[in-house]
Amino acid sequence: VQLQAFGGELVQAGGSLRLACAASTSAFTAYAVGWFRQAPGKEREFVASTNWSGGSTLYADSVKGRFTISRDNTKNTIYLDMTRLKPDDTAVYYCAVALHSAMVIHITDVDHWGQGTQVTVSS
């Protein structure tokens, strides 16, 4: 499964942004997917995950209530809608697929990574 993430850009604090991640195969629809992020000088961290159907979701405490993960299996695409953005949300955002886990929470769950898209939130 190849993934391509896009949508990252420079946005002001308090603004909104939608990230998307397109998969190369419809087999993607059978697997859990998620988003991670990595800020400069920090480790990559979990942001959000959803199961194969999109019926279950999980979020990091730092984004709960502000970010929403969703998927459109007819388009082989997952989304991350980000609202009330903060400078601390500045990072490279990566989409991910897990072939053997019900959700993608830990880096060790990930089997395939997207290439990352930069989100910069100015204060």
C-alpha atoms as a PDB file:
ATOM      1  CA  VAL A   1       0.000   0.000   0.000  1.00  0.00           C
ATOM      2  CA  GLN A   2       1.460   3.340  -1.042  1.00  0.00           C
ATOM      3  CA  LEU A   3       0.182   6.468   0.660  1.00  0.00           C
ATOM      4  CA  GLN A   4       0.404  10.094  -0.391  1.00  0.00           C
ATOM      5  CA  ALA A   5      -0.461  12.809   2.084  1.00  0.00           C
ATOM      6  CA  PHE A   6      -1.194  16.390   1.142  1.00  0.00           C
ATOM      7  CA  GLY A   7      -2.910  19.522   2.388  1.00  0.00           C
ATOM      8  CA  GLY A   8      -0.319  20.887   4.791  1.00  0.00           C
ATOM      9  CA  GLU A   9       0.381  24.604   4.705  1.00  0.00           C
ATOM     10  CA  LEU A  10       1.029  27.691   6.803  1.00  0.00           C
ATOM     11  CA  VAL A  11      -2.011  28.748   8.830  1.00  0.00           C
ATOM     12  CA  GLN A  12      -2.626  31.235  11.614  1.00  0.00           C
ATOM     13  CA  ALA A  13      -3.393  30.140  15.150  1.00  0.00           C
ATOM     14  CA  GLY A  14      -7.098  29.519  15.588  1.00  0.00           C
ATOM     15  CA  GLY A  15      -7.491  28.522  11.961  1.00  0.00           C
ATOM     16  CA  SER A  16      -8.533  25.261  10.336  1.00  0.00           C
ATOM     17  CA  LEU A  17      -6.971  22.881   7.867  1.00  0.00           C
ATOM     18  CA  ARG A  18      -7.864  19.600   6.197  1.00  0.00           C
ATOM     19  CA  LEU A  19      -5.233  17.001   5.452  1.00  0.00           C
ATOM     20  CA  ALA A  20      -5.870  14.125   3.075  1.00  0.00           C
ATOM     21  CA  CYS A  21      -4.062  10.875   2.413  1.00  0.00           C
ATOM     22  CA  ALA A  22      -4.714   8.853  -0.718  1.00  0.00           C
ATOM     23  CA  ALA A  23      -3.925   5.148  -0.947  1.00  0.00           C
ATOM     24  CA  SER A  24      -2.750   3.380  -4.082  1.00  0.00           C
ATOM     25  CA  THR A  25      -5.030   0.357  -3.706  1.00  0.00           C
ATOM     26  CA  SER A  26      -8.565  -0.413  -2.649  1.00  0.00           C
ATOM     27  CA  ALA A  27      -7.124  -3.074  -0.334  1.00  0.00           C
ATOM     28  CA  PHE A  28      -6.540  -0.095   1.935  1.00  0.00           C
ATOM     29  CA  THR A  29     -10.236  -0.169   2.845  1.00  0.00           C
ATOM     30  CA  ALA A  30      -9.757  -3.341   4.911  1.00  0.00           C
ATOM     31  CA  TYR A  31      -7.226  -1.814   7.297  1.00  0.00           C
ATOM     32  CA  ALA A  32      -6.983   0.568  10.197  1.00  0.00           C
ATOM     33  CA  VAL A  33      -5.457   3.931   9.396  1.00  0.00           C
ATOM     34  CA  GLY A  34      -4.128   6.830  11.374  1.00  0.00           C
ATOM     35  CA  TRP A  35      -2.223  10.076  11.550  1.00  0.00           C
ATOM     36  CA  PHE A  36       1.011  10.772  13.395  1.00  0.00           C
ATOM     37  CA  ARG A  37       3.075  13.929  13.609  1.00  0.00           C
ATOM     38  CA  GLN A  38       6.670  14.866  14.273  1.00  0.00           C
ATOM     39  CA  ALA A  39       7.763  18.289  15.427  1.00  0.00           C
ATOM     40  CA  PRO A  40      11.379  19.490  15.069  1.00  0.00           C
ATOM     41  CA  GLY A  41      13.584  17.835  17.674  1.00  0.00           C
ATOM     42  CA  LYS A  42      10.779  15.608  18.943  1.00  0.00           C
ATOM     43  CA  GLU A  43       9.756  12.010  18.460  1.00  0.00           C
ATOM     44  CA  ARG A  44       6.953  11.035  16.132  1.00  0.00           C
ATOM     45  CA  GLU A  45       3.681  10.866  18.067  1.00  0.00           C
ATOM     46  CA  PHE A  46       0.207   9.493  17.625  1.00  0.00           C
ATOM     47  CA  VAL A  47      -2.539  11.932  16.622  1.00  0.00           C
ATOM     48  CA  ALA A  48      -5.633   9.981  15.573  1.00  0.00           C
ATOM     49  CA  SER A  49      -6.799   6.624  14.274  1.00  0.00           C
ATOM     50  CA  THR A  50      -9.869   4.996  12.815  1.00  0.00           C
ATOM     51  CA  ASN A  51     -10.728   1.382  12.123  1.00  0.00           C
ATOM     52  CA  TRP A  52     -11.403  -0.158   8.698  1.00  0.00           C
ATOM     53  CA  SER A  53     -14.985   1.102   8.504  1.00  0.00           C
ATOM     54  CA  GLY A  54     -14.476   4.499  10.106  1.00  0.00           C
ATOM     55  CA  GLY A  55     -16.925   3.532  12.823  1.00  0.00           C
ATOM     56  CA  SER A  56     -14.404   3.733  15.664  1.00  0.00           C
ATOM     57  CA  THR A  57     -11.962   6.546  16.326  1.00  0.00           C
ATOM     58  CA  LEU A  58      -9.241   7.381  18.836  1.00  0.00           C
ATOM     59  CA  TYR A  59      -7.453  10.652  19.481  1.00  0.00           C
ATOM     60  CA  ALA A  60      -4.463  11.891  21.375  1.00  0.00           C
ATOM     61  CA  ASP A  61      -5.499  14.008  24.352  1.00  0.00           C
ATOM     62  CA  SER A  62      -3.732  17.012  22.839  1.00  0.00           C
ATOM     63  CA  VAL A  63      -6.050  17.091  19.820  1.00  0.00           C
ATOM     64  CA  LYS A  64      -9.284  15.650  21.218  1.00  0.00           C
ATOM     65  CA  GLY A  65     -12.207  17.941  20.474  1.00  0.00           C
ATOM     66  CA  ARG A  66     -10.235  19.875  17.828  1.00  0.00           C
ATOM     67  CA  PHE A  67      -9.277  17.249  15.243  1.00  0.00           C
ATOM     68  CA  THR A  68     -11.486  14.750  13.425  1.00  0.00           C
ATOM     69  CA  ILE A  69     -10.294  11.724  11.504  1.00  0.00           C
ATOM     70  CA  SER A  70     -12.472  10.205   8.809  1.00  0.00           C
ATOM     71  CA  ARG A  71     -12.197   8.003   5.761  1.00  0.00           C
ATOM     72  CA  ASP A  72     -13.939   7.631   2.433  1.00  0.00           C
ATOM     73  CA  ASN A  73     -13.397   4.053   1.323  1.00  0.00           C
ATOM     74  CA  THR A  74     -14.980   4.765  -2.065  1.00  0.00           C
ATOM     75  CA  LYS A  75     -12.079   7.143  -2.735  1.00  0.00           C
ATOM     76  CA  ASN A  76      -9.351   5.209  -0.863  1.00  0.00           C
ATOM     77  CA  THR A  77      -8.721   8.367   1.133  1.00  0.00           C
ATOM     78  CA  ILE A  78      -8.479   9.354   4.769  1.00  0.00           C
ATOM     79  CA  TYR A  79      -8.806  12.858   6.154  1.00  0.00           C
ATOM     80  CA  LEU A  80      -7.757  14.821   9.190  1.00  0.00           C
ATOM     81  CA  ASP A  81      -9.856  17.901   9.843  1.00  0.00           C
ATOM     82  CA  MET A  82      -8.018  20.219  12.182  1.00  0.00           C
ATOM     83  CA  THR A  83      -9.670  23.172  13.887  1.00  0.00           C
ATOM     84  CA  ARG A  84      -8.595  25.731  16.498  1.00  0.00           C
ATOM     85  CA  LEU A  85      -5.015  25.142  15.501  1.00  0.00           C
ATOM     86  CA  LYS A  86      -2.234  26.090  17.900  1.00  0.00           C
ATOM     87  CA  PRO A  87       1.466  26.775  17.323  1.00  0.00           C
ATOM     88  CA  ASP A  88       2.137  23.498  19.177  1.00  0.00           C
ATOM     89  CA  ASP A  89       0.400  21.675  16.316  1.00  0.00           C
ATOM     90  CA  THR A  90       3.270  22.642  14.011  1.00  0.00           C
ATOM     91  CA  ALA A  91       4.790  19.419  12.689  1.00  0.00           C
ATOM     92  CA  VAL A  92       5.156  17.133   9.737  1.00  0.00           C
ATOM     93  CA  TYR A  93       2.015  15.005   9.621  1.00  0.00           C
ATOM     94  CA  TYR A  94       2.198  11.408   8.432  1.00  0.00           C
ATOM     95  CA  CYS A  95      -0.612   9.059   7.490  1.00  0.00           C
ATOM     96  CA  ALA A  96      -0.195   5.396   8.276  1.00  0.00           C
ATOM     97  CA  VAL A  97      -1.761   2.003   7.665  1.00  0.00           C
ATOM     98  CA  ALA A  98      -1.752  -1.019   9.965  1.00  0.00           C
ATOM     99  CA  LEU A  99      -2.242  -4.417   8.382  1.00  0.00           C
ATOM    100  CA  HIS A 100      -2.381  -6.376  11.645  1.00  0.00           C
ATOM    101  CA  SER A 101      -3.985  -4.063  14.203  1.00  0.00           C
ATOM    102  CA  ALA A 102      -7.568  -2.948  14.728  1.00  0.00           C
ATOM    103  CA  MET A 103      -6.351   0.629  15.299  1.00  0.00           C
ATOM    104  CA  VAL A 104      -3.108   2.474  14.621  1.00  0.00           C
ATOM    105  CA  ILE A 105      -1.903   3.857  17.934  1.00  0.00           C
ATOM    106  CA  HIS A 106       1.749   2.944  18.287  1.00  0.00           C
ATOM    107  CA  ILE A 107       4.524   3.394  15.772  1.00  0.00           C
ATOM    108  CA  THR A 108       5.070  -0.349  15.996  1.00  0.00           C
ATOM    109  CA  ASP A 109       1.521  -0.896  14.658  1.00  0.00           C
ATOM    110  CA  VAL A 110       2.400   0.801  11.366  1.00  0.00           C
ATOM    111  CA  ASP A 111       3.147  -1.211   8.252  1.00  0.00           C
ATOM    112  CA  HIS A 112       3.087   1.607   5.708  1.00  0.00           C
ATOM    113  CA  TRP A 113       3.800   5.331   6.032  1.00  0.00           C
ATOM    114  CA  GLY A 114       2.881   8.226   3.818  1.00  0.00           C
ATOM    115  CA  GLN A 115       5.602  10.729   2.920  1.00  0.00           C
ATOM    116  CA  GLY A 116       4.465  13.484   5.300  1.00  0.00           C
ATOM    117  CA  THR A 117       3.019  16.937   4.832  1.00  0.00           C
ATOM    118  CA  GLN A 118       4.172  20.057   6.689  1.00  0.00           C
ATOM    119  CA  VAL A 119       1.725  21.970   8.867  1.00  0.00           C
ATOM    120  CA  THR A 120       2.947  25.263  10.292  1.00  0.00           C
ATOM    121  CA  VAL A 121       0.800  27.264  12.689  1.00  0.00           C
ATOM    122  CA  SER A 122       1.883  30.855  13.248  1.00  0.00           C
ATOM    123  CA  SER A 123       1.081  32.711  16.443  1.00  0.00           C
END
